[in-house]
Amino acid sequence: MKNKQYTAAGTDIEEVKRLNAKSGLSYNEAKELLAQTTGGRGTRIYSDTNIEEVRAKNQHALEQS
């Protein structure tokens, strides 16, 4: 059995890590999900949208109208 590590306040560090792993999405995972599903502001690094493809489609649509 390994020695448990505690913070200065007495919190069991490994227990916190274990509970966090079970708690759902991390902050960055939540930001990534929002960017991919809603196009959130300031989340470009998480988006999989091809900007050039969108521009080309928009240009083509303008030329057709």
N, C-alpha and C. Protein backbone atom coordinates (compact mmCIF):
# COMPACT_ATOMS: atom_id res chain seq x y z
N MET A 1 0.85 -1.19 0.00
CA MET A 1 0.00 0.00 0.00
C MET A 1 0.89 1.25 0.00
N LYS A 2 0.57 2.17 -0.87
CA LYS A 2 1.40 3.38 -0.93
C LYS A 2 0.93 4.41 0.09
N ASN A 3 1.84 5.29 0.44
CA ASN A 3 1.53 6.34 1.41
C ASN A 3 0.57 7.34 0.80
N LYS A 4 -0.44 7.72 1.56
CA LYS A 4 -1.39 8.72 1.08
C LYS A 4 -0.78 10.10 1.20
N GLN A 5 -1.10 10.96 0.22
CA GLN A 5 -0.62 12.34 0.25
C GLN A 5 -1.80 13.25 0.56
N TYR A 6 -1.55 14.20 1.43
CA TYR A 6 -2.59 15.13 1.82
C TYR A 6 -2.13 16.56 1.59
N THR A 7 -3.08 17.44 1.30
CA THR A 7 -2.77 18.86 1.19
C THR A 7 -2.60 19.43 2.59
N ALA A 8 -2.20 20.70 2.67
CA ALA A 8 -2.03 21.35 3.97
C ALA A 8 -3.35 21.40 4.74
N ALA A 9 -4.47 21.40 4.01
CA ALA A 9 -5.79 21.44 4.65
C ALA A 9 -6.28 20.05 5.05
N GLY A 10 -5.52 19.01 4.68
CA GLY A 10 -5.89 17.65 5.06
C GLY A 10 -6.67 16.88 4.02
N THR A 11 -6.73 17.39 2.80
CA THR A 11 -7.45 16.72 1.72
C THR A 11 -6.62 15.59 1.13
N ASP A 12 -7.24 14.42 0.95
CA ASP A 12 -6.57 13.26 0.35
C ASP A 12 -6.46 13.50 -1.16
N ILE A 13 -5.27 13.74 -1.66
CA ILE A 13 -5.04 14.11 -3.06
C ILE A 13 -5.51 13.00 -4.01
N GLU A 14 -5.17 11.75 -3.73
CA GLU A 14 -5.57 10.64 -4.61
C GLU A 14 -7.08 10.47 -4.65
N GLU A 15 -7.74 10.68 -3.54
CA GLU A 15 -9.20 10.58 -3.50
C GLU A 15 -9.83 11.66 -4.37
N VAL A 16 -9.31 12.87 -4.31
CA VAL A 16 -9.82 13.96 -5.15
C VAL A 16 -9.62 13.63 -6.62
N LYS A 17 -8.45 13.12 -6.98
CA LYS A 17 -8.19 12.74 -8.38
C LYS A 17 -9.16 11.65 -8.83
N ARG A 18 -9.40 10.67 -7.96
CA ARG A 18 -10.31 9.58 -8.31
C ARG A 18 -11.73 10.10 -8.52
N LEU A 19 -12.19 10.95 -7.64
CA LEU A 19 -13.53 11.52 -7.77
C LEU A 19 -13.65 12.41 -9.00
N ASN A 20 -12.62 13.19 -9.29
CA ASN A 20 -12.63 14.06 -10.47
C ASN A 20 -12.72 13.24 -11.75
N ALA A 21 -12.04 12.10 -11.80
CA ALA A 21 -12.06 11.25 -12.99
C ALA A 21 -13.47 10.72 -13.26
N LYS A 22 -14.27 10.58 -12.23
CA LYS A 22 -15.63 10.06 -12.38
C LYS A 22 -16.67 11.16 -12.58
N SER A 23 -16.28 12.42 -12.49
CA SER A 23 -17.26 13.51 -12.42
C SER A 23 -17.78 14.01 -13.75
N GLY A 24 -17.24 13.57 -14.87
CA GLY A 24 -17.73 14.04 -16.16
C GLY A 24 -16.66 14.80 -16.92
N LEU A 25 -17.09 15.77 -17.72
CA LEU A 25 -16.19 16.52 -18.57
C LEU A 25 -15.31 17.48 -17.77
N SER A 26 -14.06 17.62 -18.23
CA SER A 26 -13.19 18.64 -17.65
C SER A 26 -13.58 19.99 -18.24
N TYR A 27 -13.03 21.04 -17.70
CA TYR A 27 -13.31 22.38 -18.21
C TYR A 27 -12.97 22.48 -19.70
N ASN A 28 -11.77 22.01 -20.09
CA ASN A 28 -11.35 22.10 -21.49
C ASN A 28 -12.18 21.18 -22.38
N GLU A 29 -12.57 20.01 -21.89
CA GLU A 29 -13.43 19.12 -22.67
C GLU A 29 -14.79 19.77 -22.90
N ALA A 30 -15.32 20.46 -21.90
CA ALA A 30 -16.60 21.15 -22.05
C ALA A 30 -16.47 22.28 -23.07
N LYS A 31 -15.37 23.04 -23.02
CA LYS A 31 -15.16 24.11 -24.01
C LYS A 31 -15.09 23.54 -25.41
N GLU A 32 -14.38 22.42 -25.57
CA GLU A 32 -14.25 21.79 -26.89
C GLU A 32 -15.61 21.34 -27.40
N LEU A 33 -16.41 20.71 -26.56
CA LEU A 33 -17.74 20.26 -26.96
C LEU A 33 -18.61 21.44 -27.37
N LEU A 34 -18.58 22.52 -26.61
CA LEU A 34 -19.36 23.71 -26.95
C LEU A 34 -18.91 24.30 -28.29
N ALA A 35 -17.62 24.35 -28.52
CA ALA A 35 -17.10 24.91 -29.77
C ALA A 35 -17.55 24.08 -30.96
N GLN A 36 -17.53 22.77 -30.81
CA GLN A 36 -17.89 21.90 -31.92
C GLN A 36 -19.38 21.86 -32.18
N THR A 37 -20.19 22.12 -31.16
CA THR A 37 -21.64 22.01 -31.33
C THR A 37 -22.35 23.35 -31.46
N THR A 38 -21.75 24.44 -30.99
CA THR A 38 -22.44 25.73 -31.04
C THR A 38 -21.64 26.83 -31.71
N GLY A 39 -20.38 26.58 -32.02
CA GLY A 39 -19.55 27.63 -32.62
C GLY A 39 -19.29 28.76 -31.65
N GLY A 40 -19.04 28.43 -30.40
CA GLY A 40 -18.84 29.43 -29.34
C GLY A 40 -17.77 30.45 -29.67
N ARG A 41 -17.88 31.61 -29.04
CA ARG A 41 -16.96 32.72 -29.23
C ARG A 41 -15.60 32.42 -28.60
N GLY A 42 -14.51 32.68 -29.33
CA GLY A 42 -13.17 32.49 -28.80
C GLY A 42 -12.77 31.03 -28.66
N THR A 43 -13.42 30.16 -29.42
CA THR A 43 -13.14 28.72 -29.29
C THR A 43 -12.64 28.12 -30.60
N ARG A 44 -12.07 28.95 -31.46
CA ARG A 44 -11.62 28.50 -32.78
C ARG A 44 -10.66 27.31 -32.70
N ILE A 45 -9.78 27.27 -31.71
CA ILE A 45 -8.81 26.18 -31.64
C ILE A 45 -9.48 24.84 -31.42
N TYR A 46 -10.71 24.82 -30.91
CA TYR A 46 -11.41 23.57 -30.68
C TYR A 46 -12.33 23.18 -31.84
N SER A 47 -12.54 24.08 -32.77
CA SER A 47 -13.48 23.84 -33.86
C SER A 47 -12.84 23.02 -34.97
N ASP A 48 -13.65 22.15 -35.60
CA ASP A 48 -13.14 21.37 -36.73
C ASP A 48 -13.68 21.92 -38.06
N THR A 49 -14.20 23.15 -38.04
CA THR A 49 -14.72 23.79 -39.25
C THR A 49 -13.58 24.22 -40.16
N ASN A 50 -13.69 23.88 -41.45
CA ASN A 50 -12.71 24.28 -42.45
C ASN A 50 -13.15 25.64 -42.99
N ILE A 51 -12.49 26.69 -42.57
CA ILE A 51 -12.90 28.05 -42.92
C ILE A 51 -12.87 28.28 -44.42
N GLU A 52 -11.84 27.80 -45.08
CA GLU A 52 -11.73 28.00 -46.53
C GLU A 52 -12.87 27.30 -47.27
N GLU A 53 -13.27 26.13 -46.80
CA GLU A 53 -14.39 25.41 -47.42
C GLU A 53 -15.69 26.20 -47.27
N VAL A 54 -15.91 26.78 -46.11
CA VAL A 54 -17.11 27.58 -45.87
C VAL A 54 -17.09 28.82 -46.76
N ARG A 55 -15.94 29.48 -46.86
CA ARG A 55 -15.84 30.66 -47.72
C ARG A 55 -16.13 30.32 -49.17
N ALA A 56 -15.60 29.19 -49.64
CA ALA A 56 -15.83 28.77 -51.03
C ALA A 56 -17.31 28.49 -51.26
N LYS A 57 -17.97 27.82 -50.33
CA LYS A 57 -19.40 27.53 -50.47
C LYS A 57 -20.21 28.82 -50.47
N ASN A 58 -19.84 29.76 -49.59
CA ASN A 58 -20.55 31.04 -49.55
C ASN A 58 -20.36 31.82 -50.85
N GLN A 59 -19.16 31.83 -51.37
CA GLN A 59 -18.88 32.52 -52.63
C GLN A 59 -19.68 31.90 -53.76
N HIS A 60 -19.71 30.57 -53.80
CA HIS A 60 -20.46 29.86 -54.84
C HIS A 60 -21.95 30.19 -54.74
N ALA A 61 -22.48 30.25 -53.53
CA ALA A 61 -23.89 30.58 -53.33
C ALA A 61 -24.19 32.00 -53.79
N LEU A 62 -23.27 32.94 -53.55
CA LEU A 62 -23.47 34.32 -53.99
C LEU A 62 -23.47 34.41 -55.52
N GLU A 63 -22.60 33.64 -56.15
CA GLU A 63 -22.51 33.66 -57.60
C GLU A 63 -23.74 33.05 -58.25
N GLN A 64 -24.41 32.13 -57.58
CA GLN A 64 -25.59 31.47 -58.11
C GLN A 64 -26.84 32.33 -57.98
N SER A 65 -26.84 33.31 -57.08
CA SER A 65 -28.04 34.12 -56.88
C SER A 65 -28.05 35.36 -57.70
